[in-house]
Protein backbone atom coordinates (compact mmCIF):
# COMPACT_ATOMS: atom_id res chain seq x y z
CA MET A 1 76.58 114.84 129.08
CA SER A 2 73.09 116.07 128.53
CA LEU A 3 70.58 114.50 126.33
CA SER A 4 70.86 117.22 123.69
CA GLU A 5 74.61 116.85 123.62
CA LEU A 6 74.30 113.04 123.11
CA MET A 7 71.80 113.58 120.31
CA SER A 8 73.97 116.26 118.68
CA ALA A 9 76.98 113.89 118.91
CA ASP A 10 75.06 111.08 117.32
CA ILE A 11 73.86 113.32 114.43
CA SER A 12 77.42 114.47 113.88
CA ARG A 13 78.63 110.83 113.75
CA ARG A 14 75.86 109.90 111.24
CA ILE A 15 76.69 112.81 109.09
CA ARG A 16 80.38 111.89 109.03
CA SER A 17 79.45 108.21 108.51
CA ASN A 18 77.28 109.04 105.44
CA ASN A 19 80.08 111.15 103.89
CA VAL A 20 82.65 108.40 104.45
CA GLU A 21 80.25 105.79 103.10
CA GLU A 22 79.82 107.88 100.00
CA ASN A 23 83.61 108.44 99.69
CA THR A 24 84.24 104.65 99.90
CA SER A 25 81.46 103.99 97.17
CA VAL A 26 82.94 106.53 94.81
CA ALA A 27 86.56 105.26 95.42
CA ALA A 28 85.44 101.59 95.07
CA GLU A 29 83.47 102.26 91.83
CA LYS A 30 86.57 103.97 90.38
CA ALA A 31 88.81 101.27 91.42
CA HIS A 32 86.35 98.74 89.74
CA SER A 33 86.29 100.86 86.51
CA TYR A 34 90.13 100.55 86.40
CA GLY A 35 89.88 96.85 86.92
CA LEU A 36 91.64 96.90 90.22
CA ILE A 37 88.78 95.20 92.14
CA ASP A 38 86.16 92.59 91.03
CA ALA A 39 82.46 92.96 91.28
CA GLU A 40 82.20 90.98 94.48
CA THR A 41 84.73 93.18 96.29
CA LEU A 42 82.95 96.27 94.96
CA LYS A 43 79.70 94.90 96.33
CA ASN A 44 81.22 94.25 99.78
CA MET A 45 82.92 97.71 99.90
CA THR A 46 79.72 99.50 99.02
CA ASP A 47 77.18 97.57 101.13
CA GLY A 48 77.04 100.40 103.74
CA ARG A 49 79.72 99.17 106.12
CA VAL A 50 83.31 98.11 105.63
CA THR A 51 85.32 95.36 107.28
CA LYS A 52 89.00 94.64 107.97
CA GLY A 53 88.66 92.21 105.00
CA ASP A 54 87.65 95.23 102.76
CA LEU A 55 90.69 97.10 104.00
CA ARG A 56 92.89 94.16 103.34
CA ALA A 57 91.57 93.95 99.78
CA ALA A 58 92.21 97.63 99.24
CA LYS A 59 95.76 97.27 100.57
CA GLN A 60 96.32 94.25 98.21
CA VAL A 61 95.59 96.47 95.35
CA VAL A 62 98.45 98.82 96.21
CA TYR A 63 100.82 95.89 96.78
CA MET A 64 99.81 94.24 93.46
CA LEU A 65 100.66 97.57 91.64
CA GLU A 66 103.96 97.85 93.51
CA ARG A 67 104.92 94.36 92.56
CA GLN A 68 103.82 94.97 88.99
CA GLY A 69 106.22 98.00 88.93
CA VAL A 70 103.56 100.43 88.25
CA LYS A 71 104.93 103.99 88.42
CA LYS A 72 104.15 105.77 91.66
CA ASN A 73 101.95 108.81 91.50
CA SER A 74 100.34 107.61 88.29
CA GLU A 75 96.62 107.89 87.95
CA VAL A 76 96.03 104.15 88.72
CA THR A 77 98.17 104.26 91.97
CA ASP A 78 96.25 107.41 93.03
CA VAL A 79 93.05 105.46 92.67
CA ALA A 80 94.45 102.60 94.60
CA HIS A 81 95.75 104.75 97.43
CA GLY A 82 92.36 106.68 97.43
CA LEU A 83 90.52 103.39 97.83
CA VAL A 84 92.72 102.52 100.96
CA LYS A 85 92.14 105.95 102.46
CA ALA A 86 88.42 105.93 101.94
CA VAL A 87 87.97 102.43 103.37
CA THR A 88 90.30 103.30 106.38
CA GLN A 89 88.33 106.50 107.15
CA GLN A 90 85.01 104.64 107.04
CA LEU A 91 86.33 101.84 109.23
CA ASN A 92 87.52 104.55 111.71
CA THR A 93 84.12 106.26 111.70
CA GLN A 94 82.07 103.23 112.15
CA SER A 95 81.14 102.06 115.74
CA ILE A 96 82.97 99.10 117.01
CA LEU A 97 79.63 97.23 117.09
CA GLU A 98 78.92 98.02 113.36
CA THR A 99 82.42 96.72 112.44
CA ILE A 100 82.02 93.49 114.48
CA VAL A 101 78.61 92.83 113.00
CA GLU A 102 79.88 93.46 109.41
CA ASN A 103 83.01 91.31 109.97
CA PHE A 104 80.71 88.46 111.15
CA LYS A 105 78.37 88.84 108.15
CA ASP A 106 81.20 88.94 105.63
CA GLY A 107 82.74 85.93 107.38
CA LEU A 108 79.57 83.91 106.77
CA LYS A 109 79.47 84.88 103.15
CA ARG A 110 82.93 83.55 102.37
């Protein structure tokens, strides 16, 4: 692969990464406004990188709504599923090194 191809691939990854970071922020803020996640979880999800812990927290919201018997395809379940999707997409877009570093930093905070 040539240098220009490598640079182009890196730029494409950064553009995708910025879009998914924005999607995660919007989804997390919406979930927070519905009372689905607390302020600390919101902060962790919107600090620029996500972790497997963030994904676990997003999935817990969906499980909690299911246990509470909240109707599927309601607005609140759509918000919860949107959060899981956004965090998953960002996690899949991040480099492995970014994810490892963020998992380590989040582990130190808890």
